PDB file of N, CA and C in Angstrom:
ATOM      1  N   UNK A   1     122.995  53.888-202.927  1.00  0.00           N
ATOM      2  CA  UNK A   1     124.157  53.435-202.795  1.00  0.00           C
ATOM      3  C   UNK A   1     125.490  54.660-202.380  1.00  0.00           C
ATOM      4  N   UNK A   2     125.069  55.791-202.309  1.00  0.00           N
ATOM      5  CA  UNK A   2     126.161  57.209-202.039  1.00  0.00           C
ATOM      6  C   UNK A   2     126.233  56.807-200.424  1.00  0.00           C
ATOM      7  N   UNK A   3     125.394  56.149-199.854  1.00  0.00           N
ATOM      8  CA  UNK A   3     125.489  56.261-198.062  1.00  0.00           C
ATOM      9  C   UNK A   3     126.403  54.971-197.859  1.00  0.00           C
ATOM     10  N   UNK A   4     126.503  53.765-198.727  1.00  0.00           N
ATOM     11  CA  UNK A   4     127.397  52.718-199.016  1.00  0.00           C
ATOM     12  C   UNK A   4     128.665  53.014-199.294  1.00  0.00           C
ATOM     13  N   UNK A   5     128.873  53.676-199.878  1.00  0.00           N
ATOM     14  CA  UNK A   5     130.299  54.246-200.461  1.00  0.00           C
ATOM     15  C   UNK A   5     130.785  55.437-199.371  1.00  0.00           C
ATOM     16  N   UNK A   6     130.430  56.330-198.839  1.00  0.00           N
ATOM     17  CA  UNK A   6     130.506  57.033-197.816  1.00  0.00           C
ATOM     18  C   UNK A   6     131.018  56.368-196.378  1.00  0.00           C
ATOM     19  N   UNK A   7     130.285  55.424-196.095  1.00  0.00           N
ATOM     20  CA  UNK A   7     130.735  54.856-194.879  1.00  0.00           C
ATOM     21  C   UNK A   7     131.634  53.432-195.409  1.00  0.00           C
ATOM     22  N   UNK A   8     131.790  53.000-196.589  1.00  0.00           N
ATOM     23  CA  UNK A   8     133.043  52.386-196.848  1.00  0.00           C
ATOM     24  C   UNK A   8     134.425  53.269-196.741  1.00  0.00           C
ATOM     25  N   UNK A   9     134.142  54.237-197.244  1.00  0.00           N
ATOM     26  CA  UNK A   9     135.534  55.444-197.097  1.00  0.00           C
ATOM     27  C   UNK A   9     135.628  55.374-195.317  1.00  0.00           C
ATOM     28  N   UNK A  10     134.975  56.057-195.276  1.00  0.00           N
ATOM     29  CA  UNK A  10     135.361  56.194-193.439  1.00  0.00           C
ATOM     30  C   UNK A  10     135.581  55.065-193.257  1.00  0.00           C
ATOM     31  N   UNK A  11     134.714  54.202-193.166  1.00  0.00           N
ATOM     32  CA  UNK A  11     135.517  52.600-192.348  1.00  0.00           C
ATOM     33  C   UNK A  11     137.200  52.634-192.602  1.00  0.00           C
ATOM     34  N   UNK A  12     137.111  52.318-194.106  1.00  0.00           N
ATOM     35  CA  UNK A  12     138.374  52.315-194.588  1.00  0.00           C
ATOM     36  C   UNK A  12     139.694  53.440-193.889  1.00  0.00           C
ATOM     37  N   UNK A  13     139.491  54.857-193.894  1.00  0.00           N
ATOM     38  CA  UNK A  13     140.263  55.888-193.469  1.00  0.00           C
ATOM     39  C   UNK A  13     140.424  55.620-192.225  1.00  0.00           C
ATOM     40  N   UNK A  14     139.138  54.806-191.495  1.00  0.00           N
ATOM     41  CA  UNK A  14     139.151  54.672-189.779  1.00  0.00           C
ATOM     42  C   UNK A  14     140.386  53.693-189.606  1.00  0.00           C
ATOM     43  N   UNK A  15     140.137  52.612-190.238  1.00  0.00           N
ATOM     44  CA  UNK A  15     141.019  51.249-190.162  1.00  0.00           C
ATOM     45  C   UNK A  15     142.354  51.892-190.368  1.00  0.00           C
ATOM     46  N   UNK A  16     142.760  52.602-191.155  1.00  0.00           N
ATOM     47  CA  UNK A  16     144.213  52.510-192.019  1.00  0.00           C
ATOM     48  C   UNK A  16     144.863  53.863-190.973  1.00  0.00           C
ATOM     49  N   UNK A  17     144.298  54.957-190.820  1.00  0.00           N
ATOM     50  CA  UNK A  17     144.367  55.737-189.725  1.00  0.00           C
ATOM     51  C   UNK A  17     144.724  55.530-188.419  1.00  0.00           C
ATOM     52  N   UNK A  18     143.747  54.562-187.822  1.00  0.00           N
ATOM     53  CA  UNK A  18     143.429  54.664-186.552  1.00  0.00           C
ATOM     54  C   UNK A  18     144.082  52.980-186.171  1.00  0.00           C
ATOM     55  N   UNK A  19     144.178  51.886-186.865  1.00  0.00           N
ATOM     56  CA  UNK A  19     144.633  50.625-186.652  1.00  0.00           C
ATOM     57  C   UNK A  19     145.837  50.151-187.436  1.00  0.00           C
ATOM     58  N   UNK A  20     146.221  50.489-188.678  1.00  0.00           N
ATOM     59  CA  UNK A  20     147.162  49.938-189.311  1.00  0.00           C
ATOM     60  C   UNK A  20     148.410  50.548-189.211  1.00  0.00           C
ATOM     61  N   UNK A  21     148.080  52.120-189.120  1.00  0.00           N
ATOM     62  CA  UNK A  21     149.386  52.931-189.246  1.00  0.00           C
ATOM     63  C   UNK A  21     150.098  52.463-187.698  1.00  0.00           C
ATOM     64  N   UNK A  22     149.078  52.663-186.937  1.00  0.00           N
ATOM     65  CA  UNK A  22     149.718  52.645-185.374  1.00  0.00           C
ATOM     66  C   UNK A  22     150.114  50.773-184.869  1.00  0.00           C
ATOM     67  N   UNK A  23     149.476  50.134-185.680  1.00  0.00           N
ATOM     68  CA  UNK A  23     150.163  49.033-185.385  1.00  0.00           C
ATOM     69  C   UNK A  23     151.385  48.833-186.292  1.00  0.00           C
ATOM     70  N   UNK A  24     151.819  49.243-187.038  1.00  0.00           N
ATOM     71  CA  UNK A  24     153.218  49.446-187.581  1.00  0.00           C
ATOM     72  C   UNK A  24     154.142  50.278-186.454  1.00  0.00           C
ATOM     73  N   UNK A  25     153.617  51.420-186.134  1.00  0.00           N
ATOM     74  CA  UNK A  25     154.519  51.840-185.288  1.00  0.00           C
ATOM     75  C   UNK A  25     154.689  51.151-184.254  1.00  0.00           C
ATOM     76  N   UNK A  26     153.629  50.591-183.288  1.00  0.00           N
ATOM     77  CA  UNK A  26     154.026  49.735-182.022  1.00  0.00           C
ATOM     78  C   UNK A  26     154.996  48.281-182.666  1.00  0.00           C
ATOM     79  N   UNK A  27     154.889  48.201-183.745  1.00  0.00           N
ATOM     80  CA  UNK A  27     156.156  46.942-184.054  1.00  0.00           C
ATOM     81  C   UNK A  27     157.239  47.538-183.647  1.00  0.00           C
ATOM     82  N   UNK A  28     157.517  48.295-184.050  1.00  0.00           N
ATOM     83  CA  UNK A  28     158.762  49.152-183.998  1.00  0.00           C
ATOM     84  C   UNK A  28     158.917  50.096-182.717  1.00  0.00           C
ATOM     85  N   UNK A  29     158.059  50.478-182.028  1.00  0.00           N
ATOM     86  CA  UNK A  29     158.826  51.064-180.911  1.00  0.00           C
ATOM     87  C   UNK A  29     158.333  50.203-179.383  1.00  0.00           C
ATOM     88  N   UNK A  30     157.442  49.221-179.629  1.00  0.00           N
ATOM     89  CA  UNK A  30     157.244  48.077-178.823  1.00  0.00           C
ATOM     90  C   UNK A  30     158.033  46.917-178.983  1.00  0.00           C
ATOM     91  N   UNK A  31     158.351  46.793-180.479  1.00  0.00           N
ATOM     92  CA  UNK A  31     158.678  45.173-180.499  1.00  0.00           C
ATOM     93  C   UNK A  31     158.236  44.080-180.403  1.00  0.00           C
ATOM     94  N   UNK A  32     156.643  44.692-180.518  1.00  0.00           N
ATOM     95  CA  UNK A  32     155.639  43.481-180.890  1.00  0.00           C
ATOM     96  C   UNK A  32     155.839  42.990-182.457  1.00  0.00           C
ATOM     97  N   UNK A  33     155.045  41.861-182.363  1.00  0.00           N
ATOM     98  CA  UNK A  33     155.017  41.267-183.845  1.00  0.00           C
ATOM     99  C   UNK A  33     153.669  41.977-184.279  1.00  0.00           C
ATOM    100  N   UNK A  34     153.517  41.976-186.033  1.00  0.00           N
ATOM    101  CA  UNK A  34     152.521  42.870-186.168  1.00  0.00           C
ATOM    102  C   UNK A  34     151.090  42.512-185.756  1.00  0.00           C
ATOM    103  N   UNK A  35     151.186  41.326-185.941  1.00  0.00           N
ATOM    104  CA  UNK A  35     149.540  40.440-185.255  1.00  0.00           C
ATOM    105  C   UNK A  35     149.334  41.144-183.698  1.00  0.00           C
ATOM    106  N   UNK A  36     149.850  41.803-182.750  1.00  0.00           N
ATOM    107  CA  UNK A  36     150.316  41.704-181.651  1.00  0.00           C
ATOM    108  C   UNK A  36     150.055  43.116-181.449  1.00  0.00           C
ATOM    109  N   UNK A  37     150.182  43.816-182.275  1.00  0.00           N
ATOM    110  CA  UNK A  37     150.493  45.663-182.522  1.00  0.00           C
ATOM    111  C   UNK A  37     149.207  45.560-182.924  1.00  0.00           C
ATOM    112  N   UNK A  38     148.341  44.667-184.166  1.00  0.00           N
ATOM    113  CA  UNK A  38     146.849  45.319-184.436  1.00  0.00           C
ATOM    114  C   UNK A  38     145.663  44.430-183.214  1.00  0.00           C
ATOM    115  N   UNK A  39     145.990  43.945-182.510  1.00  0.00           N
ATOM    116  CA  UNK A  39     145.109  43.122-181.854  1.00  0.00           C
ATOM    117  C   UNK A  39     145.476  44.178-180.557  1.00  0.00           C
ATOM    118  N   UNK A  40     146.559  44.809-179.941  1.00  0.00           N
ATOM    119  CA  UNK A  40     146.229  45.853-178.982  1.00  0.00           C
ATOM    120  C   UNK A  40     145.294  46.877-179.858  1.00  0.00           C
ATOM    121  N   UNK A  41     145.802  47.899-181.151  1.00  0.00           N
ATOM    122  CA  UNK A  41     145.061  48.737-181.667  1.00  0.00           C
ATOM    123  C   UNK A  41     143.496  48.440-181.394  1.00  0.00           C
ATOM    124  N   UNK A  42     143.159  47.204-181.539  1.00  0.00           N
ATOM    125  CA  UNK A  42     141.925  46.678-181.844  1.00  0.00           C
ATOM    126  C   UNK A  42     141.146  46.679-180.567  1.00  0.00           C
ATOM    127  N   UNK A  43     141.499  45.717-179.213  1.00  0.00           N
ATOM    128  CA  UNK A  43     141.322  46.025-177.949  1.00  0.00           C
ATOM    129  C   UNK A  43     141.050  47.036-177.299  1.00  0.00           C
ATOM    130  N   UNK A  44     141.955  47.934-177.785  1.00  0.00           N
ATOM    131  CA  UNK A  44     142.254  49.570-177.509  1.00  0.00           C
ATOM    132  C   UNK A  44     141.265  50.238-177.574  1.00  0.00           C
ATOM    133  N   UNK A  45     140.764  50.678-178.802  1.00  0.00           N
ATOM    134  CA  UNK A  45     139.635  51.416-179.901  1.00  0.00           C
ATOM    135  C   UNK A  45     138.501  50.689-179.703  1.00  0.00           C
ATOM    136  N   UNK A  46     138.458  49.846-179.230  1.00  0.00           N
ATOM    137  CA  UNK A  46     136.989  48.875-179.073  1.00  0.00           C
ATOM    138  C   UNK A  46     136.522  48.901-177.796  1.00  0.00           C
ATOM    139  N   UNK A  47     137.254  49.468-176.972  1.00  0.00           N
ATOM    140  CA  UNK A  47     136.859  49.860-175.556  1.00  0.00           C
ATOM    141  C   UNK A  47     137.002  48.481-174.688  1.00  0.00           C
ATOM    142  N   UNK A  48     137.431  47.529-174.949  1.00  0.00           N
ATOM    143  CA  UNK A  48     137.469  46.194-174.440  1.00  0.00           C
ATOM    144  C   UNK A  48     138.889  45.995-173.820  1.00  0.00           C
ATOM    145  N   UNK A  49     139.912  46.159-173.858  1.00  0.00           N
ATOM    146  CA  UNK A  49     141.066  46.824-172.963  1.00  0.00           C
ATOM    147  C   UNK A  49     141.033  45.486-172.052  1.00  0.00           C
ATOM    148  N   UNK A  50     141.851  44.348-172.356  1.00  0.00           N
ATOM    149  CA  UNK A  50     141.802  43.297-171.421  1.00  0.00           C
ATOM    150  C   UNK A  50     143.015  43.451-170.360  1.00  0.00           C
ATOM    151  N   UNK A  51     144.133  44.715-171.253  1.00  0.00           N
ATOM    152  CA  UNK A  51     144.686  44.850-169.750  1.00  0.00           C
ATOM    153  C   UNK A  51     146.429  43.895-170.230  1.00  0.00           C
ATOM    154  N   UNK A  52     146.115  43.209-171.063  1.00  0.00           N
ATOM    155  CA  UNK A  52     147.402  41.964-171.030  1.00  0.00           C
ATOM    156  C   UNK A  52     148.593  42.655-171.723  1.00  0.00           C
ATOM    157  N   UNK A  53     148.062  43.836-172.367  1.00  0.00           N
ATOM    158  CA  UNK A  53     149.322  44.474-173.506  1.00  0.00           C
ATOM    159  C   UNK A  53     148.759  45.953-173.145  1.00  0.00           C
ATOM    160  N   UNK A  54     150.209  46.762-172.919  1.00  0.00           N
ATOM    161  CA  UNK A  54     149.643  48.453-172.414  1.00  0.00           C
ATOM    162  C   UNK A  54     150.977  49.229-173.160  1.00  0.00           C
ATOM    163  N   UNK A  55     150.476  49.843-173.753  1.00  0.00           N
ATOM    164  CA  UNK A  55     151.874  50.442-174.373  1.00  0.00           C
ATOM    165  C   UNK A  55     152.619  51.424-173.811  1.00  0.00           C
ATOM    166  N   UNK A  56     153.768  51.654-173.692  1.00  0.00           N
ATOM    167  CA  UNK A  56     154.690  52.248-172.929  1.00  0.00           C
ATOM    168  C   UNK A  56     154.423  51.874-171.986  1.00  0.00           C
ATOM    169  N   UNK A  57     154.441  50.900-171.186  1.00  0.00           N
ATOM    170  CA  UNK A  57     154.581  50.411-170.289  1.00  0.00           C
ATOM    171  C   UNK A  57     155.982  50.027-169.590  1.00  0.00           C
ATOM    172  N   UNK A  58     156.680  50.514-168.957  1.00  0.00           N
ATOM    173  CA  UNK A  58     158.135  49.975-168.620  1.00  0.00           C
ATOM    174  C   UNK A  58     159.078  50.240-169.282  1.00  0.00           C
ATOM    175  N   UNK A  59     158.717  50.947-170.178  1.00  0.00           N
ATOM    176  CA  UNK A  59     159.875  51.347-171.145  1.00  0.00           C
ATOM    177  C   UNK A  59     160.632  52.831-170.371  1.00  0.00           C
ATOM    178  N   UNK A  60     161.834  52.185-170.433  1.00  0.00           N
ATOM    179  CA  UNK A  60     163.096  53.251-169.606  1.00  0.00           C
ATOM    180  C   UNK A  60     163.777  54.048-170.872  1.00  0.00           C
ATOM    181  N   UNK A  61     162.945  54.471-171.999  1.00  0.00           N
ATOM    182  CA  UNK A  61     163.751  55.316-173.119  1.00  0.00           C
ATOM    183  C   UNK A  61     163.287  56.291-172.676  1.00  0.00           C
ATOM    184  N   UNK A  62     164.580  57.478-173.220  1.00  0.00           N
ATOM    185  CA  UNK A  62     164.197  59.083-173.464  1.00  0.00           C
ATOM    186  C   UNK A  62     163.563  59.457-173.532  1.00  0.00           C
ATOM    187  N   UNK A  63     162.646  59.018-174.802  1.00  0.00           N
ATOM    188  CA  UNK A  63     161.266  59.812-175.173  1.00  0.00           C
ATOM    189  C   UNK A  63     159.883  58.739-174.616  1.00  0.00           C
ATOM    190  N   UNK A  64     160.135  58.349-173.624  1.00  0.00           N
ATOM    191  CA  UNK A  64     159.011  57.650-172.776  1.00  0.00           C
ATOM    192  C   UNK A  64     158.221  58.662-172.365  1.00  0.00           C
ATOM    193  N   UNK A  65     158.034  60.118-172.108  1.00  0.00           N
ATOM    194  CA  UNK A  65     157.017  60.994-171.221  1.00  0.00           C
ATOM    195  C   UNK A  65     155.943  60.898-172.855  1.00  0.00           C
ATOM    196  N   UNK A  66     157.262  61.419-174.059  1.00  0.00           N
ATOM    197  CA  UNK A  66     156.296  62.001-175.136  1.00  0.00           C
ATOM    198  C   UNK A  66     155.448  60.457-175.559  1.00  0.00           C
ATOM    199  N   UNK A  67     155.697  59.743-175.773  1.00  0.00           N
ATOM    200  CA  UNK A  67     155.311  58.513-176.207  1.00  0.00           C
ATOM    201  C   UNK A  67     154.087  58.360-175.591  1.00  0.00           C
ATOM    202  N   UNK A  68     153.983  58.290-174.490  1.00  0.00           N
ATOM    203  CA  UNK A  68     152.972  58.189-173.051  1.00  0.00           C
ATOM    204  C   UNK A  68     151.897  59.001-173.437  1.00  0.00           C
ATOM    205  N   UNK A  69     152.157  60.412-173.831  1.00  0.00           N
ATOM    206  CA  UNK A  69     150.923  61.473-174.284  1.00  0.00           C
ATOM    207  C   UNK A  69     150.963  60.680-175.718  1.00  0.00           C
ATOM    208  N   UNK A  70     151.615  60.731-176.713  1.00  0.00           N
ATOM    209  CA  UNK A  70     150.835  60.528-177.904  1.00  0.00           C
ATOM    210  C   UNK A  70     150.185  59.336-177.873  1.00  0.00           C
ATOM    211  N   UNK A  71     150.413  58.481-176.847  1.00  0.00           N
ATOM    212  CA  UNK A  71     149.300  56.903-177.058  1.00  0.00           C
ATOM    213  C   UNK A  71     148.002  57.341-176.970  1.00  0.00           C
ATOM    214  N   UNK A  72     147.995  58.208-175.561  1.00  0.00           N
ATOM    215  CA  UNK A  72     146.720  58.803-175.455  1.00  0.00           C
ATOM    216  C   UNK A  72     145.979  59.747-176.036  1.00  0.00           C
ATOM    217  N   UNK A  73     146.531  60.427-177.182  1.00  0.00           N
ATOM    218  CA  UNK A  73     146.531  61.622-177.887  1.00  0.00           C
ATOM    219  C   UNK A  73     145.433  60.412-178.960  1.00  0.00           C
ATOM    220  N   UNK A  74     146.664  59.518-179.459  1.00  0.00           N
ATOM    221  CA  UNK A  74     145.951  58.164-180.567  1.00  0.00           C
ATOM    222  C   UNK A  74     144.979  57.897-179.774  1.00  0.00           C
ATOM    223  N   UNK A  75     144.582  57.599-178.459  1.00  0.00           N
ATOM    224  CA  UNK A  75     143.327  56.898-178.061  1.00  0.00           C
ATOM    225  C   UNK A  75     142.234  58.020-178.289  1.00  0.00           C
ATOM    226  N   UNK A  76     142.523  58.802-177.562  1.00  0.00           N
ATOM    227  CA  UNK A  76     141.316  60.125-177.740  1.00  0.00           C
ATOM    228  C   UNK A  76     140.864  60.201-179.269  1.00  0.00           C
ATOM    229  N   UNK A  77     141.669  60.371-179.985  1.00  0.00           N
ATOM    230  CA  UNK A  77     141.042  60.788-181.332  1.00  0.00           C
ATOM    231  C   UNK A  77     140.781  59.619-182.191  1.00  0.00           C
ATOM    232  N   UNK A  78     141.332  58.199-181.716  1.00  0.00           N
ATOM    233  CA  UNK A  78     140.726  56.949-182.220  1.00  0.00           C
ATOM    234  C   UNK A  78     139.216  56.877-181.718  1.00  0.00           C
ATOM    235  N   UNK A  79     139.034  57.032-180.582  1.00  0.00           N
ATOM    236  CA  UNK A  79     137.869  56.848-180.255  1.00  0.00           C
ATOM    237  C   UNK A  79     136.779  57.784-180.334  1.00  0.00           C
ATOM    238  N   UNK A  80     136.946  59.333-180.840  1.00  0.00           N
ATOM    239  CA  UNK A  80     136.441  59.932-181.395  1.00  0.00           C
ATOM    240  C   UNK A  80     136.054  59.891-182.692  1.00  0.00           C
ATOM    241  N   UNK A  81     136.596  59.083-183.010  1.00  0.00           N
ATOM    242  CA  UNK A  81     136.340  58.702-184.465  1.00  0.00           C
ATOM    243  C   UNK A  81     135.427  57.960-184.919  1.00  0.00           C
ATOM    244  N   UNK A  82     135.705  56.216-183.955  1.00  0.00           N
ATOM    245  CA  UNK A  82     134.668  55.369-183.892  1.00  0.00           C
ATOM    246  C   UNK A  82     133.547  56.055-183.751  1.00  0.00           C
ATOM    247  N   UNK A  83     133.474  56.595-182.237  1.00  0.00           N
ATOM    248  CA  UNK A  83     132.134  57.383-182.315  1.00  0.00           C
ATOM    249  C   UNK A  83     131.210  58.277-182.990  1.00  0.00           C
ATOM    250  N   UNK A  84     132.401  58.911-183.700  1.00  0.00           N
ATOM    251  CA  UNK A  84     131.443  59.712-184.779  1.00  0.00           C
ATOM    252  C   UNK A  84     131.318  58.814-185.994  1.00  0.00           C
ATOM    253  N   UNK A  85     131.586  57.742-186.143  1.00  0.00           N
ATOM    254  CA  UNK A  85     131.551  56.807-187.425  1.00  0.00           C
ATOM    255  C   UNK A  85     130.068  56.254-186.872  1.00  0.00           C
ATOM    256  N   UNK A  86     129.728  55.735-185.782  1.00  0.00           N
ATOM    257  CA  UNK A  86     128.532  55.358-185.273  1.00  0.00           C
ATOM    258  C   UNK A  86     127.515  55.940-184.936  1.00  0.00           C
ATOM    259  N   UNK A  87     127.633  57.156-184.302  1.00  0.00           N
ATOM    260  CA  UNK A  87     126.566  58.128-184.776  1.00  0.00           C
ATOM    261  C   UNK A  87     126.282  58.331-186.183  1.00  0.00           C
ATOM    262  N   UNK A  88     127.146  58.367-186.770  1.00  0.00           N
ATOM    263  CA  UNK A  88     126.142  58.486-187.966  1.00  0.00           C
ATOM    264  C   UNK A  88     125.876  57.357-188.723  1.00  0.00           C
ATOM    265  N   UNK A  89     125.849  56.168-188.545  1.00  0.00           N
ATOM    266  CA  UNK A  89     125.532  55.254-188.861  1.00  0.00           C
ATOM    267  C   UNK A  89     123.964  54.959-188.238  1.00  0.00           C
ATOM    268  N   UNK A  90     123.997  55.403-186.875  1.00  0.00           N
ATOM    269  CA  UNK A  90     122.626  55.558-186.313  1.00  0.00           C
ATOM    270  C   UNK A  90     121.600  56.963-186.889  1.00  0.00           C
ATOM    271  N   UNK A  91     122.420  57.797-187.276  1.00  0.00           N
ATOM    272  CA  UNK A  91     121.481  58.892-187.866  1.00  0.00           C
ATOM    273  C   UNK A  91     121.036  58.213-188.964  1.00  0.00           C
ATOM    274  N   UNK A  92     121.768  57.748-189.818  1.00  0.00           N
ATOM    275  CA  UNK A  92     121.918  56.972-191.176  1.00  0.00           C
ATOM    276  C   UNK A  92     120.417  56.209-191.020  1.00  0.00           C
ATOM    277  N   UNK A  93     120.334  55.279-189.866  1.00  0.00           N
ATOM    278  CA  UNK A  93     119.535  54.008-189.722  1.00  0.00           C
ATOM    279  C   UNK A  93     118.061  54.754-189.249  1.00  0.00           C
ATOM    280  N   UNK A  94     118.267  56.111-188.529  1.00  0.00           N
ATOM    281  CA  UNK A  94     117.019  56.815-188.067  1.00  0.00           C
ATOM    282  C   UNK A  94     116.116  57.004-189.049  1.00  0.00           C
ATOM    283  N   UNK A  95     116.641  57.784-190.302  1.00  0.00           N
ATOM    284  CA  UNK A  95     116.433  58.346-191.369  1.00  0.00           C
ATOM    285  C   UNK A  95     115.900  57.820-192.550  1.00  0.00           C
ATOM    286  N   UNK A  96     116.294  56.363-191.977  1.00  0.00           N
ATOM    287  CA  UNK A  96     115.585  55.506-193.071  1.00  0.00           C
ATOM    288  C   UNK A  96     116.357  55.416-194.560  1.00  0.00           C
ATOM    289  N   UNK A  97     117.315  55.857-194.087  1.00  0.00           N
ATOM    290  CA  UNK A  97     118.313  55.870-195.548  1.00  0.00           C
ATOM    291  C   UNK A  97     118.838  54.642-196.012  1.00  0.00           C
ATOM    292  N   UNK A  98     118.646  53.694-195.091  1.00  0.00           N
ATOM    293  CA  UNK A  98     119.434  52.394-195.507  1.00  0.00           C
ATOM    294  C   UNK A  98     118.043  51.531-195.647  1.00  0.00           C
ATOM    295  N   UNK A  99     118.505  50.324-196.631  1.00  0.00           N
ATOM    296  CA  UNK A  99     117.630  49.691-197.080  1.00  0.00           C
ATOM    297  C   UNK A  99     116.496  48.684-195.905  1.00  0.00           C
ATOM    298  N   UNK A 100     115.395  48.433-196.240  1.00  0.00           N
ATOM    299  CA  UNK A 100     114.375  48.013-195.596  1.00  0.00           C
ATOM    300  C   UNK A 100     115.229  46.752-194.866  1.00  0.00           C
ATOM    301  N   UNK A 101     115.102  45.618-195.766  1.00  0.00           N
ATOM    302  CA  UNK A 101     115.907  44.723-195.095  1.00  0.00           C
ATOM    303  C   UNK A 101     116.802  45.041-194.216  1.00  0.00           C
ATOM    304  N   UNK A 102     117.484  45.960-194.353  1.00  0.00           N
ATOM    305  CA  UNK A 102     119.143  45.949-193.413  1.00  0.00           C
ATOM    306  C   UNK A 102     118.101  46.490-192.078  1.00  0.00           C
ATOM    307  N   UNK A 103     117.150  47.239-192.134  1.00  0.00           N
ATOM    308  CA  UNK A 103     116.293  48.039-190.822  1.00  0.00           C
ATOM    309  C   UNK A 103     115.637  46.906-190.128  1.00  0.00           C
ATOM    310  N   UNK A 104     115.292  45.544-190.807  1.00  0.00           N
ATOM    311  CA  UNK A 104     114.260  45.180-190.239  1.00  0.00           C
ATOM    312  C   UNK A 104     115.601  43.776-189.340  1.00  0.00           C
ATOM    313  N   UNK A 105     116.663  43.622-190.315  1.00  0.00           N
ATOM    314  CA  UNK A 105     117.621  42.473-189.305  1.00  0.00           C
ATOM    315  C   UNK A 105     117.939  43.110-188.576  1.00  0.00           C
ATOM    316  N   UNK A 106     118.565  44.791-188.448  1.00  0.00           N
ATOM    317  CA  UNK A 106     119.052  45.404-187.006  1.00  0.00           C
ATOM    318  C   UNK A 106     117.791  45.290-185.850  1.00  0.00           C
ATOM    319  N   UNK A 107     116.649  45.529-186.562  1.00  0.00           N
ATOM    320  CA  UNK A 107     115.512  45.319-185.425  1.00  0.00           C
ATOM    321  C   UNK A 107     115.292  44.130-184.782  1.00  0.00           C
ATOM    322  N   UNK A 108     115.260  42.791-185.651  1.00  0.00           N
ATOM    323  CA  UNK A 108     115.018  41.831-185.306  1.00  0.00           C
ATOM    324  C   UNK A 108     116.642  41.030-184.083  1.00  0.00           C
ATOM    325  N   UNK A 109     117.341  41.925-184.452  1.00  0.00           N
ATOM    326  CA  UNK A 109     118.399  41.306-183.370  1.00  0.00           C
ATOM    327  C   UNK A 109     118.337  42.825-181.847  1.00  0.00           C
ATOM    328  N   UNK A 110     117.921  43.746-182.278  1.00  0.00           N
ATOM    329  CA  UNK A 110     117.103  44.357-181.105  1.00  0.00           C
ATOM    330  C   UNK A 110     116.102  43.891-180.331  1.00  0.00           C
ATOM    331  N   UNK A 111     115.409  43.194-180.577  1.00  0.00           N
ATOM    332  CA  UNK A 111     114.361  42.815-180.188  1.00  0.00           C
ATOM    333  C   UNK A 111     114.983  41.361-179.777  1.00  0.00           C
ATOM    334  N   UNK A 112     115.980  40.907-180.243  1.00  0.00           N
ATOM    335  CA  UNK A 112     116.408  39.187-179.552  1.00  0.00           C
ATOM    336  C   UNK A 112     117.280  39.644-178.492  1.00  0.00           C
ATOM    337  N   UNK A 113     117.802  40.717-177.951  1.00  0.00           N
ATOM    338  CA  UNK A 113     118.287  41.187-177.033  1.00  0.00           C
ATOM    339  C   UNK A 113     117.731  41.335-176.124  1.00  0.00           C
ATOM    340  N   UNK A 114     116.725  42.392-176.723  1.00  0.00           N
ATOM    341  CA  UNK A 114     115.869  42.325-175.204  1.00  0.00           C
ATOM    342  C   UNK A 114     114.887  41.647-174.748  1.00  0.00           C
ATOM    343  N   UNK A 115     114.563  40.379-175.525  1.00  0.00           N
ATOM    344  CA  UNK A 115     113.856  39.524-175.442  1.00  0.00           C
ATOM    345  C   UNK A 115     114.863  38.729-174.192  1.00  0.00           C
ATOM    346  N   UNK A 116     116.117  38.229-174.603  1.00  0.00           N
ATOM    347  CA  UNK A 116     116.715  37.582-173.798  1.00  0.00           C
ATOM    348  C   UNK A 116     116.984  38.417-172.694  1.00  0.00           C
ATOM    349  N   UNK A 117     117.303  39.881-172.616  1.00  0.00           N
ATOM    350  CA  UNK A 117     117.101  40.738-171.144  1.00  0.00           C
ATOM    351  C   UNK A 117     115.646  40.243-170.256  1.00  0.00           C
ATOM    352  N   UNK A 118     115.344  40.355-170.908  1.00  0.00           N
ATOM    353  CA  UNK A 118     113.780  40.095-170.054  1.00  0.00           C
ATOM    354  C   UNK A 118     113.760  38.501-169.930  1.00  0.00           C
ATOM    355  N   UNK A 119     114.318  37.830-170.449  1.00  0.00           N
ATOM    356  CA  UNK A 119     114.236  35.954-169.929  1.00  0.00           C
ATOM    357  C   UNK A 119     115.172  36.154-168.847  1.00  0.00           C
ATOM    358  N   UNK A 120     116.192  36.484-168.925  1.00  0.00           N
ATOM    359  CA  UNK A 120     117.358  36.561-167.830  1.00  0.00           C
ATOM    360  C   UNK A 120     116.602  37.761-166.136  1.00  0.00           C
ATOM    361  N   UNK A 121     115.989  38.478-166.925  1.00  0.00           N
ATOM    362  CA  UNK A 121     115.471  39.250-165.305  1.00  0.00           C
ATOM    363  C   UNK A 121     114.119  38.249-164.848  1.00  0.00           C
ATOM    364  N   UNK A 122     113.452  38.088-166.141  1.00  0.00           N
ATOM    365  CA  UNK A 122     112.333  37.152-165.093  1.00  0.00           C
ATOM    366  C   UNK A 122     112.712  35.747-164.369  1.00  0.00           C
ATOM    367  N   UNK A 123     113.760  35.123-164.605  1.00  0.00           N
ATOM    368  CA  UNK A 123     114.393  34.290-164.283  1.00  0.00           C
ATOM    369  C   UNK A 123     115.267  34.502-162.886  1.00  0.00           C
ATOM    370  N   UNK A 124     115.647  35.719-162.456  1.00  0.00           N
ATOM    371  CA  UNK A 124     116.305  36.207-161.328  1.00  0.00           C
ATOM    372  C   UNK A 124     115.305  36.494-160.280  1.00  0.00           C
ATOM    373  N   UNK A 125     114.371  37.125-161.350  1.00  0.00           N
ATOM    374  CA  UNK A 125     113.043  37.407-160.052  1.00  0.00           C
ATOM    375  C   UNK A 125     112.401  35.928-159.576  1.00  0.00           C
ATOM    376  N   UNK A 126     112.458  35.085-160.467  1.00  0.00           N
ATOM    377  CA  UNK A 126     111.880  34.024-159.792  1.00  0.00           C
ATOM    378  C   UNK A 126     112.571  33.256-158.825  1.00  0.00           C
ATOM    379  N   UNK A 127     113.785  33.612-159.029  1.00  0.00           N
ATOM    380  CA  UNK A 127     114.914  32.718-158.139  1.00  0.00           C
ATOM    381  C   UNK A 127     115.122  33.482-157.154  1.00  0.00           C
ATOM    382  N   UNK A 128     114.528  34.759-156.802  1.00  0.00           N
ATOM    383  CA  UNK A 128     114.480  35.403-155.034  1.00  0.00           C
ATOM    384  C   UNK A 128     113.257  35.421-154.637  1.00  0.00           C
ATOM    385  N   UNK A 129     112.078  34.464-155.472  1.00  0.00           N
ATOM    386  CA  UNK A 129     110.835  34.657-154.753  1.00  0.00           C
ATOM    387  C   UNK A 129     110.783  33.549-153.892  1.00  0.00           C
TER     388      UNK A 129
END
């Protein structure tokens, strides 16, 4: 239960600091709605980055250079935080600090992904033969 508590605390802090607060800033600095800003923070920090929204692009404001640097720093720290959290969870899974039923579900999903990959690979091999 301590692992769950720590994980929820880190997730909450991460969402507040790297998603919700920057979204409020983008509402004022970019003129986006809060939904658009939250969408931008999610796609940026999840590295999906479709590219239809870019912060500080085309802004002719006097602070635009500092703003662009601040966005780069936010992205670097945000990505670092999420990688650190995922690494923590991965180590917890490996050390068996997570209950067995969750580990079994996690392994089942991994096996399903590997099976799907092998199925697609075999299909491509058959097509080329």
